[in-house]
Amino acid sequence: MSGTHRTDREREFLIAHGGLSAADYTPEALAQTNAAVEHGRAAADAEARAHSLTLSEAATLLGWPRAEVLAALAAGDMYSVPGEPPSVAPLFPRWQFRDGCLVPSLKDILATLPADDHPLDVEQFMTRANADYLDGTPPVDWLVHGRELGPVLRYADDLSWE
């Protein structure tokens, strides 16, 4: 629920129990918060794009025609992020490529992760080690080394409940 649509009773509760003050609910404070959130989103989107390859770069890296890259994307075998507006061209995060090949089983993993995960969340999941899963090995490395998909899917599923 947006802060501008809270009832007086909801605001009073949040002020009393949520660590907020009445000043946090002024139109100016709400506008400032909304601007900060939008700035953070734009920065995260720019970072995700900066970590990505263009369609041509991905095709060259894989040694595939551009149409084959787009077909793999349409089939769910690749992951993309939206290009810089107003462009609609997909960009392909670098983490999904290793030694000129795609990381195996992306389709299954991406289907397990929440669909609304930000691309940086997906990147973090795929590239960072977690001592509690996969013997502390990042999922990308786990899969590239031919290990079983099941533990990666369980890890992704566990995270989707957090």
C-alpha atoms as a PDB file:
ATOM      1  CA  MET A   1       0.000   0.000   0.000  1.00  0.00           C
ATOM      2  CA  SER A   2       1.385   3.415  -0.910  1.00  0.00           C
ATOM      3  CA  GLY A   3       2.154   5.835   1.902  1.00  0.00           C
ATOM      4  CA  THR A   4      -0.237   8.374   0.420  1.00  0.00           C
ATOM      5  CA  HIS A   5      -3.155   5.959   0.799  1.00  0.00           C
ATOM      6  CA  ARG A   6      -2.783   5.058   4.463  1.00  0.00           C
ATOM      7  CA  THR A   7      -5.600   5.804   6.843  1.00  0.00           C
ATOM      8  CA  ASP A   8      -5.035   8.065   9.819  1.00  0.00           C
ATOM      9  CA  ARG A   9      -5.208   5.008  12.063  1.00  0.00           C
ATOM     10  CA  GLU A  10      -2.530   3.188  10.010  1.00  0.00           C
ATOM     11  CA  ARG A  11      -0.265   6.247  10.144  1.00  0.00           C
ATOM     12  CA  GLU A  12      -0.756   6.537  13.907  1.00  0.00           C
ATOM     13  CA  PHE A  13       0.129   2.861  14.354  1.00  0.00           C
ATOM     14  CA  LEU A  14       3.297   3.193  12.236  1.00  0.00           C
ATOM     15  CA  ILE A  15       4.354   6.314  14.120  1.00  0.00           C
ATOM     16  CA  ALA A  16       3.779   4.591  17.473  1.00  0.00           C
ATOM     17  CA  HIS A  17       5.290   1.207  16.586  1.00  0.00           C
ATOM     18  CA  GLY A  18       7.258   1.470  13.360  1.00  0.00           C
ATOM     19  CA  GLY A  19       9.975   3.970  14.152  1.00  0.00           C
ATOM     20  CA  LEU A  20       8.447   6.654  11.941  1.00  0.00           C
ATOM     21  CA  SER A  21       7.477  10.189  12.811  1.00  0.00           C
ATOM     22  CA  ALA A  22       4.640  12.389  11.611  1.00  0.00           C
ATOM     23  CA  ALA A  23       7.219  14.250   9.522  1.00  0.00           C
ATOM     24  CA  ASP A  24       7.795  11.029   7.533  1.00  0.00           C
ATOM     25  CA  TYR A  25       4.245  11.344   6.187  1.00  0.00           C
ATOM     26  CA  THR A  26       4.354  14.866   4.824  1.00  0.00           C
ATOM     27  CA  PRO A  27       3.913  15.163   1.050  1.00  0.00           C
ATOM     28  CA  GLU A  28       7.491  16.441   0.818  1.00  0.00           C
ATOM     29  CA  ALA A  29       8.903  13.473   2.759  1.00  0.00           C
ATOM     30  CA  LEU A  30       6.903  11.010   0.668  1.00  0.00           C
ATOM     31  CA  ALA A  31       8.084  12.678  -2.558  1.00  0.00           C
ATOM     32  CA  GLN A  32      11.680  12.545  -1.320  1.00  0.00           C
ATOM     33  CA  THR A  33      11.332   8.851  -0.440  1.00  0.00           C
ATOM     34  CA  ASN A  34       9.761   8.068  -3.810  1.00  0.00           C
ATOM     35  CA  ALA A  35      12.579   9.923  -5.589  1.00  0.00           C
ATOM     36  CA  ALA A  36      15.208   8.002  -3.611  1.00  0.00           C
ATOM     37  CA  VAL A  37      13.538   4.685  -4.450  1.00  0.00           C
ATOM     38  CA  GLU A  38      13.338   5.587  -8.135  1.00  0.00           C
ATOM     39  CA  HIS A  39      16.989   6.660  -8.121  1.00  0.00           C
ATOM     40  CA  GLY A  40      17.959   3.337  -6.515  1.00  0.00           C
ATOM     41  CA  ARG A  41      15.976   1.375  -9.097  1.00  0.00           C
ATOM     42  CA  ALA A  42      17.552   3.299 -11.958  1.00  0.00           C
ATOM     43  CA  ALA A  43      21.036   2.714 -10.535  1.00  0.00           C
ATOM     44  CA  ALA A  44      20.375  -1.020 -10.101  1.00  0.00           C
ATOM     45  CA  ASP A  45      19.010  -1.275 -13.643  1.00  0.00           C
ATOM     46  CA  ALA A  46      22.067   0.547 -15.008  1.00  0.00           C
ATOM     47  CA  GLU A  47      24.373  -1.791 -13.080  1.00  0.00           C
ATOM     48  CA  ALA A  48      22.581  -4.851 -14.487  1.00  0.00           C
ATOM     49  CA  ARG A  49      22.943  -3.456 -18.014  1.00  0.00           C
ATOM     50  CA  ALA A  50      26.634  -2.705 -17.406  1.00  0.00           C
ATOM     51  CA  HIS A  51      27.205  -6.390 -16.546  1.00  0.00           C
ATOM     52  CA  SER A  52      25.631  -7.515 -19.824  1.00  0.00           C
ATOM     53  CA  LEU A  53      26.434  -8.191 -23.459  1.00  0.00           C
ATOM     54  CA  THR A  54      24.521  -6.952 -26.462  1.00  0.00           C
ATOM     55  CA  LEU A  55      22.816  -9.416 -28.772  1.00  0.00           C
ATOM     56  CA  SER A  56      25.703  -9.139 -31.239  1.00  0.00           C
ATOM     57  CA  GLU A  57      28.300  -9.647 -28.505  1.00  0.00           C
ATOM     58  CA  ALA A  58      26.473 -12.709 -27.149  1.00  0.00           C
ATOM     59  CA  ALA A  59      26.158 -14.166 -30.665  1.00  0.00           C
ATOM     60  CA  THR A  60      29.864 -13.610 -31.316  1.00  0.00           C
ATOM     61  CA  LEU A  61      30.869 -15.118 -27.968  1.00  0.00           C
ATOM     62  CA  LEU A  62      28.786 -18.233 -28.594  1.00  0.00           C
ATOM     63  CA  GLY A  63      29.636 -18.435 -32.296  1.00  0.00           C
ATOM     64  CA  TRP A  64      25.929 -18.450 -33.120  1.00  0.00           C
ATOM     65  CA  PRO A  65      23.846 -16.394 -35.519  1.00  0.00           C
ATOM     66  CA  ARG A  66      21.868 -13.633 -33.785  1.00  0.00           C
ATOM     67  CA  ALA A  67      18.634 -15.445 -34.664  1.00  0.00           C
ATOM     68  CA  GLU A  68      19.809 -18.518 -32.760  1.00  0.00           C
ATOM     69  CA  VAL A  69      20.543 -16.416 -29.682  1.00  0.00           C
ATOM     70  CA  LEU A  70      17.050 -14.918 -29.880  1.00  0.00           C
ATOM     71  CA  ALA A  71      15.562 -18.402 -30.304  1.00  0.00           C
ATOM     72  CA  ALA A  72      17.440 -19.615 -27.215  1.00  0.00           C
ATOM     73  CA  LEU A  73      16.141 -16.590 -25.309  1.00  0.00           C
ATOM     74  CA  ALA A  74      12.576 -17.252 -26.466  1.00  0.00           C
ATOM     75  CA  ALA A  75      12.900 -20.891 -25.391  1.00  0.00           C
ATOM     76  CA  GLY A  76      14.013 -19.786 -21.905  1.00  0.00           C
ATOM     77  CA  ASP A  77      17.528 -21.174 -22.298  1.00  0.00           C
ATOM     78  CA  MET A  78      19.108 -17.740 -21.818  1.00  0.00           C
ATOM     79  CA  TYR A  79      18.522 -14.860 -19.453  1.00  0.00           C
ATOM     80  CA  SER A  80      18.240 -11.243 -20.527  1.00  0.00           C
ATOM     81  CA  VAL A  81      17.653  -7.805 -19.085  1.00  0.00           C
ATOM     82  CA  PRO A  82      15.948  -4.922 -20.874  1.00  0.00           C
ATOM     83  CA  GLY A  83      18.174  -2.542 -22.768  1.00  0.00           C
ATOM     84  CA  GLU A  84      18.541   1.131 -21.916  1.00  0.00           C
ATOM     85  CA  PRO A  85      15.206   2.843 -22.620  1.00  0.00           C
ATOM     86  CA  PRO A  86      13.930   3.555 -25.197  1.00  0.00           C
ATOM     87  CA  SER A  87      15.696   0.488 -26.621  1.00  0.00           C
ATOM     88  CA  VAL A  88      13.845  -2.791 -26.391  1.00  0.00           C
ATOM     89  CA  ALA A  89      16.870  -4.857 -27.413  1.00  0.00           C
ATOM     90  CA  PRO A  90      17.663  -7.536 -24.830  1.00  0.00           C
ATOM     91  CA  LEU A  91      20.993  -7.558 -23.053  1.00  0.00           C
ATOM     92  CA  PHE A  92      22.566 -10.784 -21.821  1.00  0.00           C
ATOM     93  CA  PRO A  93      24.212 -10.835 -18.374  1.00  0.00           C
ATOM     94  CA  ARG A  94      27.813 -12.038 -18.593  1.00  0.00           C
ATOM     95  CA  TRP A  95      27.488 -14.517 -15.717  1.00  0.00           C
ATOM     96  CA  GLN A  96      25.575 -16.985 -17.938  1.00  0.00           C
ATOM     97  CA  PHE A  97      28.561 -17.480 -20.259  1.00  0.00           C
ATOM     98  CA  ARG A  98      31.630 -19.550 -19.434  1.00  0.00           C
ATOM     99  CA  ASP A  99      34.391 -20.443 -21.879  1.00  0.00           C
ATOM    100  CA  GLY A 100      32.274 -19.482 -24.892  1.00  0.00           C
ATOM    101  CA  CYS A 101      29.310 -21.610 -23.763  1.00  0.00           C
ATOM    102  CA  LEU A 102      26.079 -21.093 -21.895  1.00  0.00           C
ATOM    103  CA  VAL A 103      25.849 -22.238 -18.307  1.00  0.00           C
ATOM    104  CA  PRO A 104      23.795 -25.450 -18.453  1.00  0.00           C
ATOM    105  CA  SER A 105      20.245 -25.789 -17.128  1.00  0.00           C
ATOM    106  CA  LEU A 106      19.430 -22.083 -16.926  1.00  0.00           C
ATOM    107  CA  LYS A 107      15.862 -22.695 -18.059  1.00  0.00           C
ATOM    108  CA  ASP A 108      15.143 -24.922 -15.059  1.00  0.00           C
ATOM    109  CA  ILE A 109      16.819 -22.587 -12.583  1.00  0.00           C
ATOM    110  CA  LEU A 110      15.163 -19.444 -13.902  1.00  0.00           C
ATOM    111  CA  ALA A 111      11.780 -21.164 -13.691  1.00  0.00           C
ATOM    112  CA  THR A 112      12.424 -21.822  -9.995  1.00  0.00           C
ATOM    113  CA  LEU A 113      13.500 -18.284  -9.073  1.00  0.00           C
ATOM    114  CA  PRO A 114      10.780 -15.708  -8.427  1.00  0.00           C
ATOM    115  CA  ALA A 115       9.787 -14.096 -11.733  1.00  0.00           C
ATOM    116  CA  ASP A 116       9.972 -10.624 -10.212  1.00  0.00           C
ATOM    117  CA  ASP A 117      13.560 -10.960  -8.964  1.00  0.00           C
ATOM    118  CA  HIS A 118      15.687  -8.029 -10.072  1.00  0.00           C
ATOM    119  CA  PRO A 119      18.466  -9.019 -12.494  1.00  0.00           C
ATOM    120  CA  LEU A 120      21.063  -8.187  -9.835  1.00  0.00           C
ATOM    121  CA  ASP A 121      19.342 -10.626  -7.460  1.00  0.00           C
ATOM    122  CA  VAL A 122      19.513 -13.328 -10.128  1.00  0.00           C
ATOM    123  CA  GLU A 123      23.183 -12.506 -10.754  1.00  0.00           C
ATOM    124  CA  GLN A 124      23.947 -12.661  -7.046  1.00  0.00           C
ATOM    125  CA  PHE A 125      22.204 -16.016  -6.709  1.00  0.00           C
ATOM    126  CA  MET A 126      24.081 -17.473  -9.667  1.00  0.00           C
ATOM    127  CA  THR A 127      27.551 -16.104  -8.898  1.00  0.00           C
ATOM    128  CA  ARG A 128      27.958 -15.897  -5.136  1.00  0.00           C
ATOM    129  CA  ALA A 129      28.819 -18.736  -2.836  1.00  0.00           C
ATOM    130  CA  ASN A 130      26.606 -19.550   0.121  1.00  0.00           C
ATOM    131  CA  ALA A 131      28.212 -21.745   2.763  1.00  0.00           C
ATOM    132  CA  ASP A 132      24.861 -23.429   3.430  1.00  0.00           C
ATOM    133  CA  TYR A 133      24.383 -24.657  -0.159  1.00  0.00           C
ATOM    134  CA  LEU A 134      26.343 -26.448  -2.868  1.00  0.00           C
ATOM    135  CA  ASP A 135      29.383 -26.983  -0.660  1.00  0.00           C
ATOM    136  CA  GLY A 136      29.931 -23.221  -0.731  1.00  0.00           C
ATOM    137  CA  THR A 137      30.208 -23.204  -4.537  1.00  0.00           C
ATOM    138  CA  PRO A 138      28.377 -20.567  -6.629  1.00  0.00           C
ATOM    139  CA  PRO A 139      25.637 -22.160  -8.765  1.00  0.00           C
ATOM    140  CA  VAL A 140      27.348 -21.116 -12.021  1.00  0.00           C
ATOM    141  CA  ASP A 141      30.551 -22.891 -11.044  1.00  0.00           C
ATOM    142  CA  TRP A 142      28.634 -25.899  -9.724  1.00  0.00           C
ATOM    143  CA  LEU A 143      26.864 -26.368 -13.056  1.00  0.00           C
ATOM    144  CA  VAL A 144      29.861 -25.613 -15.276  1.00  0.00           C
ATOM    145  CA  HIS A 145      31.744 -28.381 -13.493  1.00  0.00           C
ATOM    146  CA  GLY A 146      29.027 -30.869 -14.411  1.00  0.00           C
ATOM    147  CA  ARG A 147      27.489 -31.248 -10.983  1.00  0.00           C
ATOM    148  CA  GLU A 148      23.847 -32.241 -10.478  1.00  0.00           C
ATOM    149  CA  LEU A 149      21.085 -29.717 -11.109  1.00  0.00           C
ATOM    150  CA  GLY A 150      18.881 -30.871  -8.207  1.00  0.00           C
ATOM    151  CA  PRO A 151      20.819 -29.157  -5.396  1.00  0.00           C
ATOM    152  CA  VAL A 152      20.802 -25.857  -7.325  1.00  0.00           C
ATOM    153  CA  LEU A 153      17.037 -26.098  -7.782  1.00  0.00           C
ATOM    154  CA  ARG A 154      16.562 -26.804  -4.063  1.00  0.00           C
ATOM    155  CA  TYR A 155      18.723 -23.776  -3.245  1.00  0.00           C
ATOM    156  CA  ALA A 156      16.691 -21.581  -5.621  1.00  0.00           C
ATOM    157  CA  ASP A 157      13.451 -22.921  -4.203  1.00  0.00           C
ATOM    158  CA  ASP A 158      14.585 -22.260  -0.633  1.00  0.00           C
ATOM    159  CA  LEU A 159      15.417 -18.667  -1.528  1.00  0.00           C
ATOM    160  CA  SER A 160      12.068 -18.145  -3.193  1.00  0.00           C
ATOM    161  CA  TRP A 161      10.419 -18.648   0.201  1.00  0.00           C
ATOM    162  CA  GLU A 162      12.454 -15.962   1.946  1.00  0.00           C
END
